N, C-alpha and C. Protein backbone atom coordinates (compact mmCIF):
# COMPACT_ATOMS: atom_id res chain seq x y z
N MET A 1 24.98 29.28 -77.05
CA MET A 1 26.13 29.98 -76.52
C MET A 1 26.22 29.80 -75.02
N LYS A 2 25.09 29.93 -74.31
CA LYS A 2 25.10 29.76 -72.87
C LYS A 2 25.51 28.34 -72.49
N ARG A 3 25.07 27.38 -73.26
CA ARG A 3 25.40 26.00 -72.99
C ARG A 3 26.90 25.77 -73.13
N THR A 4 27.55 26.38 -74.08
CA THR A 4 29.00 26.26 -74.27
C THR A 4 29.74 26.81 -73.07
N HIS A 5 29.32 27.95 -72.56
CA HIS A 5 29.96 28.54 -71.38
C HIS A 5 29.78 27.64 -70.16
N LEU A 6 28.61 27.04 -70.02
CA LEU A 6 28.34 26.15 -68.90
C LEU A 6 29.30 24.97 -68.94
N TYR A 7 29.49 24.34 -70.11
CA TYR A 7 30.41 23.22 -70.22
C TYR A 7 31.84 23.66 -69.98
N THR A 8 32.20 24.84 -70.48
CA THR A 8 33.55 25.34 -70.29
C THR A 8 33.83 25.57 -68.82
N PHE A 9 32.90 26.22 -68.12
CA PHE A 9 33.10 26.47 -66.69
C PHE A 9 33.07 25.16 -65.90
N GLY A 10 32.21 24.23 -66.30
CA GLY A 10 32.16 22.94 -65.61
C GLY A 10 33.46 22.18 -65.78
N PHE A 11 34.00 22.16 -67.01
CA PHE A 11 35.27 21.49 -67.26
C PHE A 11 36.41 22.20 -66.54
N ALA A 12 36.42 23.53 -66.56
CA ALA A 12 37.48 24.29 -65.88
C ALA A 12 37.41 24.06 -64.37
N GLY A 13 36.21 24.00 -63.83
CA GLY A 13 36.06 23.75 -62.39
C GLY A 13 36.54 22.36 -62.02
N LEU A 14 36.18 21.37 -62.83
CA LEU A 14 36.63 20.00 -62.58
C LEU A 14 38.15 19.90 -62.67
N LEU A 15 38.73 20.57 -63.66
CA LEU A 15 40.18 20.58 -63.81
C LEU A 15 40.85 21.24 -62.62
N ALA A 16 40.30 22.35 -62.13
CA ALA A 16 40.88 23.06 -60.99
C ALA A 16 40.83 22.19 -59.73
N VAL A 17 39.71 21.52 -59.50
CA VAL A 17 39.59 20.66 -58.32
C VAL A 17 40.56 19.49 -58.42
N THR A 18 40.69 18.91 -59.60
CA THR A 18 41.60 17.78 -59.79
C THR A 18 43.04 18.20 -59.54
N LEU A 19 43.44 19.33 -60.11
CA LEU A 19 44.81 19.79 -59.92
C LEU A 19 45.07 20.19 -58.48
N ALA A 20 44.09 20.77 -57.81
CA ALA A 20 44.27 21.16 -56.40
C ALA A 20 44.46 19.93 -55.54
N GLY A 21 43.78 18.84 -55.86
CA GLY A 21 43.93 17.61 -55.09
C GLY A 21 45.29 16.96 -55.29
N CYS A 22 45.93 17.23 -56.42
CA CYS A 22 47.24 16.66 -56.71
C CYS A 22 48.37 17.55 -56.24
N GLY A 23 48.06 18.69 -55.67
CA GLY A 23 49.09 19.65 -55.30
C GLY A 23 49.79 19.32 -54.01
N THR A 24 49.31 18.37 -53.24
CA THR A 24 49.97 18.05 -51.97
C THR A 24 51.03 17.01 -52.20
N SER A 25 52.09 17.07 -51.44
CA SER A 25 53.22 16.15 -51.60
C SER A 25 52.97 14.87 -50.84
N PRO A 26 53.17 13.71 -51.44
CA PRO A 26 52.99 12.44 -50.74
C PRO A 26 54.22 12.01 -49.98
N SER A 27 55.17 12.91 -49.70
CA SER A 27 56.44 12.51 -49.10
C SER A 27 56.27 11.87 -47.73
N GLY A 28 55.29 12.26 -46.94
CA GLY A 28 55.11 11.66 -45.62
C GLY A 28 54.08 10.56 -45.62
N PHE A 29 53.62 10.16 -46.78
CA PHE A 29 52.59 9.15 -46.89
C PHE A 29 53.15 7.78 -46.61
N ASP A 30 52.50 7.04 -45.72
CA ASP A 30 52.89 5.67 -45.39
C ASP A 30 51.86 4.75 -46.00
N ALA A 31 52.25 3.96 -46.99
CA ALA A 31 51.31 3.12 -47.71
C ALA A 31 51.18 1.73 -47.11
N SER A 32 51.63 1.52 -45.88
CA SER A 32 51.54 0.19 -45.29
C SER A 32 50.08 -0.15 -45.01
N PRO A 33 49.72 -1.43 -45.04
CA PRO A 33 48.34 -1.83 -44.84
C PRO A 33 47.81 -1.46 -43.47
N SER A 34 48.67 -1.33 -42.47
CA SER A 34 48.20 -1.02 -41.13
C SER A 34 47.90 0.45 -40.95
N ASN A 35 48.25 1.29 -41.92
CA ASN A 35 48.03 2.72 -41.80
C ASN A 35 46.61 3.04 -42.22
N ASN A 36 45.83 3.62 -41.33
CA ASN A 36 44.46 3.99 -41.61
C ASN A 36 44.35 5.48 -41.86
N ALA A 37 45.38 6.08 -42.40
CA ALA A 37 45.42 7.53 -42.58
C ALA A 37 44.37 8.00 -43.56
N LEU A 38 44.16 7.29 -44.64
CA LEU A 38 43.22 7.73 -45.65
C LEU A 38 41.95 6.91 -45.52
N GLN A 39 40.89 7.59 -45.14
CA GLN A 39 39.61 6.92 -45.05
C GLN A 39 38.65 7.67 -45.95
N SER A 40 37.91 6.95 -46.77
CA SER A 40 36.99 7.62 -47.66
C SER A 40 35.74 8.01 -46.89
N SER A 41 35.17 9.13 -47.27
CA SER A 41 33.94 9.58 -46.64
C SER A 41 32.77 9.11 -47.48
N PRO A 42 31.57 9.03 -46.90
CA PRO A 42 30.42 8.57 -47.67
C PRO A 42 30.13 9.50 -48.85
N ALA A 43 30.45 10.80 -48.74
CA ALA A 43 30.15 11.74 -49.80
C ALA A 43 31.04 11.52 -51.02
N ALA A 44 32.26 11.02 -50.82
CA ALA A 44 33.19 10.84 -51.94
C ALA A 44 33.91 9.52 -51.80
N PRO A 45 33.33 8.40 -52.27
CA PRO A 45 33.99 7.10 -52.14
C PRO A 45 35.27 7.07 -52.95
N ALA A 46 36.24 6.32 -52.43
CA ALA A 46 37.54 6.21 -53.10
C ALA A 46 37.40 5.36 -54.35
N SER A 47 38.09 5.75 -55.39
CA SER A 47 38.08 5.02 -56.64
C SER A 47 39.12 3.91 -56.56
N PRO A 48 38.81 2.69 -56.96
CA PRO A 48 39.81 1.62 -56.90
C PRO A 48 40.94 1.83 -57.89
N ASP A 49 40.73 2.69 -58.91
CA ASP A 49 41.76 2.93 -59.91
C ASP A 49 42.75 4.00 -59.49
N SER A 50 42.53 4.65 -58.36
CA SER A 50 43.33 5.82 -58.01
C SER A 50 43.94 5.67 -56.63
N ASP A 51 45.21 6.03 -56.50
CA ASP A 51 45.88 6.08 -55.20
C ASP A 51 45.70 7.43 -54.55
N VAL A 52 45.15 8.40 -55.28
CA VAL A 52 44.98 9.76 -54.78
C VAL A 52 43.60 9.86 -54.18
N PRO A 53 43.47 10.38 -52.94
CA PRO A 53 42.15 10.50 -52.34
C PRO A 53 41.29 11.48 -53.13
N SER A 54 39.96 11.25 -53.14
CA SER A 54 39.05 12.14 -53.83
C SER A 54 39.02 13.48 -53.12
N PRO A 55 38.97 14.58 -53.88
CA PRO A 55 38.91 15.90 -53.23
C PRO A 55 37.59 16.06 -52.52
N GLN A 56 37.62 16.69 -51.37
CA GLN A 56 36.43 16.95 -50.58
C GLN A 56 35.91 18.33 -50.92
N PRO A 57 34.60 18.52 -51.04
CA PRO A 57 34.07 19.85 -51.31
C PRO A 57 34.49 20.81 -50.21
N GLY A 58 35.01 21.94 -50.60
CA GLY A 58 35.40 22.96 -49.63
C GLY A 58 36.75 22.72 -48.99
N ALA A 59 37.42 21.61 -49.30
CA ALA A 59 38.71 21.32 -48.69
C ALA A 59 39.79 22.09 -49.42
N SER A 60 40.72 22.63 -48.69
CA SER A 60 41.81 23.40 -49.26
C SER A 60 43.05 22.53 -49.33
N PRO A 61 43.86 22.62 -50.41
CA PRO A 61 45.05 21.79 -50.49
C PRO A 61 46.16 22.24 -49.56
N THR A 62 46.05 23.43 -49.00
CA THR A 62 47.05 23.91 -48.05
C THR A 62 46.38 24.18 -46.73
N ALA A 63 47.15 24.09 -45.67
CA ALA A 63 46.60 24.32 -44.34
C ALA A 63 46.31 25.80 -44.17
N SER A 64 45.17 26.09 -43.58
CA SER A 64 44.82 27.47 -43.28
C SER A 64 44.48 27.55 -41.81
N PRO A 65 44.51 28.74 -41.21
CA PRO A 65 44.18 28.84 -39.79
C PRO A 65 42.79 28.30 -39.49
N GLU A 66 41.83 28.53 -40.42
CA GLU A 66 40.48 28.03 -40.18
C GLU A 66 40.46 26.51 -40.25
N ALA A 67 41.21 25.93 -41.18
CA ALA A 67 41.21 24.47 -41.35
C ALA A 67 41.83 23.78 -40.16
N SER A 68 42.89 24.34 -39.58
CA SER A 68 43.52 23.66 -38.46
C SER A 68 42.74 23.81 -37.18
N ALA A 69 41.69 24.62 -37.17
CA ALA A 69 40.89 24.76 -35.97
C ALA A 69 40.00 23.54 -35.77
N SER A 70 39.58 22.90 -36.86
CA SER A 70 38.73 21.72 -36.72
C SER A 70 39.58 20.47 -36.75
N PRO A 71 39.30 19.49 -35.88
CA PRO A 71 40.12 18.28 -35.82
C PRO A 71 40.15 17.51 -37.13
N GLY A 72 39.03 17.43 -37.85
CA GLY A 72 39.00 16.69 -39.10
C GLY A 72 39.90 17.30 -40.15
N ALA A 73 39.91 18.64 -40.23
CA ALA A 73 40.74 19.32 -41.22
C ALA A 73 42.22 19.13 -40.90
N ALA A 74 42.57 19.17 -39.62
CA ALA A 74 43.98 18.99 -39.24
C ALA A 74 44.44 17.59 -39.59
N THR A 75 43.57 16.60 -39.45
CA THR A 75 43.93 15.23 -39.78
C THR A 75 44.20 15.09 -41.27
N ARG A 76 43.41 15.76 -42.11
CA ARG A 76 43.62 15.67 -43.55
C ARG A 76 44.91 16.33 -43.97
N GLN A 77 45.36 17.35 -43.24
CA GLN A 77 46.52 18.11 -43.65
C GLN A 77 47.83 17.47 -43.21
N GLN A 78 47.84 16.73 -42.10
CA GLN A 78 49.07 16.15 -41.57
C GLN A 78 49.15 14.68 -41.93
N PRO A 79 50.30 14.21 -42.39
CA PRO A 79 50.45 12.78 -42.64
C PRO A 79 50.30 12.02 -41.33
N MET A 80 49.50 10.96 -41.35
CA MET A 80 49.27 10.19 -40.14
C MET A 80 50.54 9.52 -39.66
N ALA A 81 51.45 9.20 -40.57
CA ALA A 81 52.69 8.54 -40.16
C ALA A 81 53.45 9.40 -39.17
N ALA A 82 53.51 10.69 -39.40
CA ALA A 82 54.24 11.58 -38.50
C ALA A 82 53.45 11.83 -37.23
N ALA A 83 52.13 11.92 -37.34
CA ALA A 83 51.31 12.24 -36.19
C ALA A 83 51.20 11.08 -35.20
N ASN A 84 51.32 9.86 -35.68
CA ASN A 84 51.12 8.70 -34.82
C ASN A 84 52.40 7.94 -34.53
N THR A 85 53.55 8.59 -34.71
CA THR A 85 54.82 7.92 -34.45
C THR A 85 55.64 8.71 -33.45
N VAL A 86 56.62 8.03 -32.91
CA VAL A 86 57.59 8.65 -32.01
C VAL A 86 58.96 8.11 -32.40
N ASN A 87 59.97 8.94 -32.27
CA ASN A 87 61.33 8.52 -32.61
C ASN A 87 61.99 7.84 -31.42
N VAL A 88 62.61 6.70 -31.66
CA VAL A 88 63.36 5.98 -30.63
C VAL A 88 64.71 5.57 -31.22
N MET A 89 65.63 5.24 -30.34
CA MET A 89 66.93 4.74 -30.78
C MET A 89 66.88 3.22 -30.82
N VAL A 90 67.15 2.66 -31.97
CA VAL A 90 67.21 1.21 -32.15
C VAL A 90 68.66 0.88 -32.47
N TYR A 91 69.21 -0.08 -31.75
CA TYR A 91 70.63 -0.43 -31.90
C TYR A 91 70.77 -1.65 -32.79
N GLN A 92 71.81 -1.61 -33.62
CA GLN A 92 72.14 -2.76 -34.46
C GLN A 92 73.65 -2.93 -34.49
N VAL A 93 74.09 -4.13 -34.74
CA VAL A 93 75.51 -4.44 -34.73
C VAL A 93 76.18 -3.83 -35.97
N ASP A 94 77.42 -3.41 -35.81
CA ASP A 94 78.17 -2.86 -36.95
C ASP A 94 78.65 -3.99 -37.86
N SER A 95 79.23 -3.65 -38.98
CA SER A 95 79.64 -4.65 -39.97
C SER A 95 80.78 -5.55 -39.49
N GLN A 96 81.53 -5.12 -38.47
CA GLN A 96 82.63 -5.92 -37.93
C GLN A 96 82.20 -6.76 -36.72
N CYS A 97 80.94 -6.62 -36.31
CA CYS A 97 80.39 -7.33 -35.15
C CYS A 97 81.16 -7.00 -33.87
N GLU A 98 81.55 -5.73 -33.74
CA GLU A 98 82.31 -5.30 -32.58
C GLU A 98 81.56 -4.31 -31.70
N ALA A 99 80.62 -3.58 -32.27
CA ALA A 99 79.93 -2.54 -31.50
C ALA A 99 78.47 -2.45 -31.95
N LEU A 100 77.67 -1.87 -31.07
CA LEU A 100 76.27 -1.63 -31.39
C LEU A 100 76.11 -0.16 -31.77
N VAL A 101 75.48 0.07 -32.90
CA VAL A 101 75.35 1.41 -33.44
C VAL A 101 73.89 1.86 -33.33
N PRO A 102 73.66 3.05 -32.73
CA PRO A 102 72.28 3.53 -32.63
C PRO A 102 71.78 4.08 -33.96
N GLN A 103 70.50 3.86 -34.20
CA GLN A 103 69.85 4.41 -35.38
C GLN A 103 68.48 4.91 -34.95
N GLN A 104 68.19 6.18 -35.23
CA GLN A 104 66.89 6.73 -34.86
C GLN A 104 65.84 6.23 -35.84
N MET A 105 64.74 5.69 -35.29
CA MET A 105 63.66 5.16 -36.12
C MET A 105 62.33 5.66 -35.59
N ALA A 106 61.40 5.86 -36.50
CA ALA A 106 60.04 6.23 -36.13
C ALA A 106 59.25 4.94 -35.94
N VAL A 107 58.60 4.83 -34.79
CA VAL A 107 57.79 3.66 -34.48
C VAL A 107 56.41 4.13 -34.03
N PRO A 108 55.39 3.27 -34.08
CA PRO A 108 54.06 3.67 -33.65
C PRO A 108 54.05 4.18 -32.22
N GLN A 109 53.37 5.29 -32.01
CA GLN A 109 53.32 5.92 -30.70
C GLN A 109 52.58 5.06 -29.67
N ALA A 110 51.64 4.25 -30.12
CA ALA A 110 50.83 3.46 -29.20
C ALA A 110 51.67 2.42 -28.44
N GLU A 111 52.59 1.75 -29.11
CA GLU A 111 53.42 0.72 -28.48
C GLU A 111 54.85 0.83 -28.98
N PRO A 112 55.56 1.88 -28.58
CA PRO A 112 56.91 2.10 -29.13
C PRO A 112 57.92 1.04 -28.73
N MET A 113 57.85 0.54 -27.50
CA MET A 113 58.82 -0.46 -27.05
C MET A 113 58.67 -1.76 -27.84
N GLU A 114 57.44 -2.21 -28.00
CA GLU A 114 57.19 -3.44 -28.73
C GLU A 114 57.61 -3.29 -30.19
N ALA A 115 57.35 -2.13 -30.77
CA ALA A 115 57.72 -1.88 -32.16
C ALA A 115 59.23 -1.86 -32.33
N ALA A 116 59.94 -1.27 -31.37
CA ALA A 116 61.41 -1.23 -31.44
C ALA A 116 61.98 -2.64 -31.35
N VAL A 117 61.42 -3.46 -30.48
CA VAL A 117 61.86 -4.86 -30.38
C VAL A 117 61.60 -5.57 -31.71
N GLY A 118 60.45 -5.32 -32.31
CA GLY A 118 60.13 -5.91 -33.60
C GLY A 118 61.13 -5.52 -34.68
N ARG A 119 61.57 -4.26 -34.65
CA ARG A 119 62.56 -3.80 -35.64
C ARG A 119 63.89 -4.54 -35.46
N VAL A 120 64.31 -4.73 -34.22
CA VAL A 120 65.56 -5.46 -33.96
C VAL A 120 65.43 -6.90 -34.46
N LEU A 121 64.30 -7.53 -34.19
CA LEU A 121 64.10 -8.91 -34.62
C LEU A 121 64.09 -9.02 -36.15
N GLU A 122 63.49 -8.04 -36.82
CA GLU A 122 63.49 -8.04 -38.29
C GLU A 122 64.92 -7.94 -38.83
N GLN A 123 65.73 -7.10 -38.20
CA GLN A 123 67.11 -6.91 -38.65
C GLN A 123 67.95 -8.17 -38.49
N ASN A 124 67.56 -9.03 -37.56
CA ASN A 124 68.37 -10.21 -37.27
C ASN A 124 67.80 -11.51 -37.83
N ALA A 125 66.73 -11.43 -38.59
CA ALA A 125 66.16 -12.63 -39.20
C ALA A 125 67.04 -13.05 -40.38
N THR A 126 67.23 -14.35 -40.51
CA THR A 126 68.00 -14.90 -41.64
C THR A 126 67.16 -15.99 -42.30
N ALA A 127 67.70 -16.57 -43.35
CA ALA A 127 66.97 -17.62 -44.07
C ALA A 127 66.70 -18.83 -43.19
N ASP A 128 67.58 -19.12 -42.24
CA ASP A 128 67.40 -20.31 -41.41
C ASP A 128 67.10 -20.00 -39.94
N PHE A 129 66.91 -18.72 -39.61
CA PHE A 129 66.59 -18.35 -38.23
C PHE A 129 65.64 -17.15 -38.23
N SER A 130 64.48 -17.33 -37.62
CA SER A 130 63.56 -16.21 -37.47
C SER A 130 62.65 -16.42 -36.27
N VAL A 131 62.28 -15.30 -35.68
CA VAL A 131 61.40 -15.30 -34.52
C VAL A 131 59.98 -15.03 -35.01
N ALA A 132 59.04 -15.87 -34.59
CA ALA A 132 57.66 -15.75 -35.04
C ALA A 132 56.85 -14.80 -34.16
N GLY A 133 57.22 -14.66 -32.91
CA GLY A 133 56.46 -13.80 -32.02
C GLY A 133 57.27 -13.43 -30.80
N TYR A 134 56.80 -12.40 -30.12
CA TYR A 134 57.50 -11.93 -28.92
C TYR A 134 56.52 -11.15 -28.05
N ARG A 135 56.89 -11.03 -26.80
CA ARG A 135 56.11 -10.24 -25.84
C ARG A 135 57.12 -9.54 -24.94
N VAL A 136 56.84 -8.29 -24.61
CA VAL A 136 57.72 -7.52 -23.73
C VAL A 136 56.92 -7.11 -22.50
N ASP A 137 57.43 -7.49 -21.32
CA ASP A 137 56.82 -7.09 -20.06
C ASP A 137 57.87 -6.36 -19.24
N VAL A 138 57.48 -5.22 -18.64
CA VAL A 138 58.40 -4.45 -17.81
C VAL A 138 57.82 -4.36 -16.41
N ALA A 139 58.65 -4.71 -15.42
CA ALA A 139 58.26 -4.59 -14.02
C ALA A 139 59.49 -4.18 -13.22
N ASN A 140 59.37 -3.09 -12.48
CA ASN A 140 60.45 -2.60 -11.62
C ASN A 140 61.76 -2.40 -12.37
N GLY A 141 61.69 -1.87 -13.57
CA GLY A 141 62.89 -1.58 -14.34
C GLY A 141 63.49 -2.78 -15.05
N VAL A 142 62.87 -3.95 -14.94
CA VAL A 142 63.37 -5.15 -15.61
C VAL A 142 62.42 -5.50 -16.76
N ALA A 143 62.96 -5.52 -17.96
CA ALA A 143 62.18 -5.91 -19.13
C ALA A 143 62.41 -7.39 -19.40
N THR A 144 61.33 -8.14 -19.53
CA THR A 144 61.42 -9.54 -19.91
C THR A 144 60.91 -9.66 -21.34
N VAL A 145 61.79 -10.12 -22.22
CA VAL A 145 61.44 -10.30 -23.63
C VAL A 145 61.25 -11.79 -23.85
N ASP A 146 60.00 -12.19 -24.08
CA ASP A 146 59.68 -13.59 -24.32
C ASP A 146 59.60 -13.79 -25.83
N LEU A 147 60.47 -14.64 -26.35
CA LEU A 147 60.58 -14.87 -27.79
C LEU A 147 60.02 -16.24 -28.15
N ARG A 148 59.46 -16.33 -29.36
CA ARG A 148 58.96 -17.62 -29.86
C ARG A 148 59.54 -17.81 -31.26
N LEU A 149 60.28 -18.88 -31.44
CA LEU A 149 60.87 -19.17 -32.75
C LEU A 149 59.79 -19.53 -33.76
N ALA A 150 60.05 -19.21 -35.01
CA ALA A 150 59.15 -19.61 -36.09
C ALA A 150 59.19 -21.12 -36.23
N PRO A 151 58.07 -21.76 -36.51
CA PRO A 151 58.05 -23.22 -36.64
C PRO A 151 59.01 -23.73 -37.71
N ASP A 152 59.24 -22.95 -38.75
CA ASP A 152 60.14 -23.40 -39.82
C ASP A 152 61.59 -22.94 -39.62
N SER A 153 61.90 -22.38 -38.45
CA SER A 153 63.28 -21.96 -38.18
C SER A 153 64.14 -23.21 -37.99
N ARG A 154 65.16 -23.35 -38.82
CA ARG A 154 66.03 -24.53 -38.74
C ARG A 154 67.03 -24.43 -37.61
N ARG A 155 67.22 -23.23 -37.08
CA ARG A 155 68.19 -23.04 -36.00
C ARG A 155 67.49 -22.59 -34.73
N GLN A 156 68.11 -22.90 -33.61
CA GLN A 156 67.62 -22.53 -32.29
C GLN A 156 68.48 -21.39 -31.75
N PHE A 157 68.08 -20.81 -30.62
CA PHE A 157 68.87 -19.74 -30.01
C PHE A 157 70.27 -20.24 -29.65
N GLU A 158 70.36 -21.49 -29.17
CA GLU A 158 71.64 -22.04 -28.74
C GLU A 158 72.61 -22.23 -29.89
N SER A 159 72.09 -22.35 -31.11
CA SER A 159 72.98 -22.59 -32.25
C SER A 159 73.51 -21.31 -32.89
N LEU A 160 73.14 -20.16 -32.36
CA LEU A 160 73.63 -18.90 -32.92
C LEU A 160 75.10 -18.71 -32.58
N SER A 161 75.85 -18.16 -33.51
CA SER A 161 77.26 -17.86 -33.26
C SER A 161 77.36 -16.72 -32.25
N SER A 162 78.54 -16.49 -31.73
CA SER A 162 78.71 -15.41 -30.76
C SER A 162 78.37 -14.06 -31.39
N CYS A 163 78.69 -13.87 -32.65
CA CYS A 163 78.35 -12.62 -33.33
C CYS A 163 76.83 -12.48 -33.48
N GLU A 164 76.16 -13.57 -33.86
CA GLU A 164 74.71 -13.54 -34.01
C GLU A 164 74.01 -13.29 -32.68
N ARG A 165 74.54 -13.89 -31.62
CA ARG A 165 73.97 -13.64 -30.28
C ARG A 165 74.15 -12.19 -29.88
N PHE A 166 75.34 -11.65 -30.13
CA PHE A 166 75.61 -10.25 -29.82
C PHE A 166 74.67 -9.34 -30.62
N ALA A 167 74.49 -9.67 -31.90
CA ALA A 167 73.62 -8.87 -32.76
C ALA A 167 72.18 -8.91 -32.26
N LEU A 168 71.69 -10.07 -31.91
CA LEU A 168 70.29 -10.21 -31.49
C LEU A 168 70.08 -9.72 -30.06
N PHE A 169 70.71 -10.39 -29.11
CA PHE A 169 70.45 -10.08 -27.70
C PHE A 169 71.09 -8.76 -27.27
N GLY A 170 72.27 -8.47 -27.79
CA GLY A 170 72.92 -7.19 -27.47
C GLY A 170 72.11 -6.02 -27.99
N SER A 171 71.62 -6.14 -29.22
CA SER A 171 70.80 -5.06 -29.80
C SER A 171 69.51 -4.87 -29.03
N LEU A 172 68.86 -5.97 -28.66
CA LEU A 172 67.63 -5.87 -27.87
C LEU A 172 67.91 -5.21 -26.52
N ARG A 173 68.94 -5.68 -25.84
CA ARG A 173 69.29 -5.13 -24.52
C ARG A 173 69.60 -3.64 -24.62
N GLU A 174 70.43 -3.26 -25.58
CA GLU A 174 70.84 -1.86 -25.72
C GLU A 174 69.64 -0.98 -26.11
N THR A 175 68.81 -1.46 -27.00
CA THR A 175 67.63 -0.70 -27.42
C THR A 175 66.70 -0.44 -26.24
N LEU A 176 66.49 -1.45 -25.42
CA LEU A 176 65.57 -1.29 -24.29
C LEU A 176 66.15 -0.44 -23.17
N THR A 177 67.44 -0.55 -22.92
CA THR A 177 68.02 0.19 -21.78
C THR A 177 68.45 1.61 -22.16
N GLN A 178 68.70 1.88 -23.42
CA GLN A 178 69.21 3.20 -23.81
C GLN A 178 68.12 4.17 -24.26
N ASN A 179 66.88 3.80 -24.15
CA ASN A 179 65.76 4.72 -24.37
C ASN A 179 65.20 5.06 -22.99
N PRO A 180 65.66 6.18 -22.40
CA PRO A 180 65.34 6.48 -21.01
C PRO A 180 63.84 6.61 -20.72
N GLN A 181 63.04 6.92 -21.70
CA GLN A 181 61.60 7.07 -21.48
C GLN A 181 60.94 5.76 -21.06
N TRP A 182 61.61 4.62 -21.26
CA TRP A 182 61.03 3.33 -20.90
C TRP A 182 61.43 2.88 -19.50
N ASN A 183 62.38 3.54 -18.87
CA ASN A 183 62.81 3.20 -17.51
C ASN A 183 63.21 1.73 -17.36
N VAL A 184 63.99 1.23 -18.30
CA VAL A 184 64.46 -0.16 -18.26
C VAL A 184 65.94 -0.14 -17.93
N SER A 185 66.31 -0.86 -16.87
CA SER A 185 67.73 -0.92 -16.49
C SER A 185 68.32 -2.31 -16.70
N GLU A 186 67.45 -3.32 -16.85
CA GLU A 186 67.92 -4.70 -17.01
C GLU A 186 66.99 -5.43 -17.96
N VAL A 187 67.54 -6.38 -18.73
CA VAL A 187 66.74 -7.12 -19.70
C VAL A 187 66.99 -8.61 -19.52
N GLU A 188 65.90 -9.38 -19.48
CA GLU A 188 65.97 -10.84 -19.41
C GLU A 188 65.30 -11.41 -20.65
N PHE A 189 65.78 -12.56 -21.10
CA PHE A 189 65.23 -13.18 -22.30
C PHE A 189 64.69 -14.56 -21.96
N THR A 190 63.49 -14.84 -22.46
CA THR A 190 62.87 -16.15 -22.25
C THR A 190 62.32 -16.65 -23.57
N GLU A 191 62.14 -17.98 -23.62
CA GLU A 191 61.48 -18.61 -24.76
C GLU A 191 60.34 -19.43 -24.21
N GLY A 192 59.12 -19.00 -24.46
CA GLY A 192 57.96 -19.68 -23.90
C GLY A 192 57.97 -19.69 -22.39
N GLY A 193 58.48 -18.65 -21.77
CA GLY A 193 58.54 -18.54 -20.33
C GLY A 193 59.78 -19.13 -19.69
N GLU A 194 60.56 -19.90 -20.44
CA GLU A 194 61.80 -20.51 -19.94
C GLU A 194 62.98 -19.60 -20.25
N GLU A 195 63.86 -19.39 -19.28
CA GLU A 195 65.01 -18.51 -19.48
C GLU A 195 65.90 -19.03 -20.61
N ILE A 196 66.34 -18.11 -21.46
CA ILE A 196 67.29 -18.45 -22.51
C ILE A 196 68.68 -18.30 -21.92
N VAL A 197 69.43 -19.39 -21.90
CA VAL A 197 70.78 -19.37 -21.34
C VAL A 197 71.73 -18.97 -22.46
N LEU A 198 72.42 -17.86 -22.23
CA LEU A 198 73.34 -17.35 -23.26
C LEU A 198 74.76 -17.77 -22.97
């Protein structure tokens, strides 16, 4: 009889811990490979069959005043995507190619300007035109964006239509100058250090 109760309590305890671990919402979870938000601890290695982190002994599924006092507990409770990002305005061309429209985007807090430039470049990549790399340098309010075409890009900067140029260079210029926290008033474009003539 005692053995039956032991198994019952053991199973009930395991079930309670499992359900408590599933009670948190994954809505802010960023599953990108660059996100290091979920790290397994030596005490509870992550299972390759599960996308849900293993429950930690003594960890609560909801934030408590005691849990937020310790840095480790606060990290487990807050999605890393929100904690390590900042919102910036990224501009993109409208469907008529007449105006640049701002869109608020969350980018990594460590390098927000570079990430915003990357978002603009992603938006303007096509099957026959793509940028393989870029560098952004700011000095005295002037941002220099050095672009490098992908080796397999069939088109060059000079072959872009006026709409494509407006979409690419206009969006980059507007994104860099309209985020006041970056203190950029002018933008120059280069390819491998050589000025891009527009």
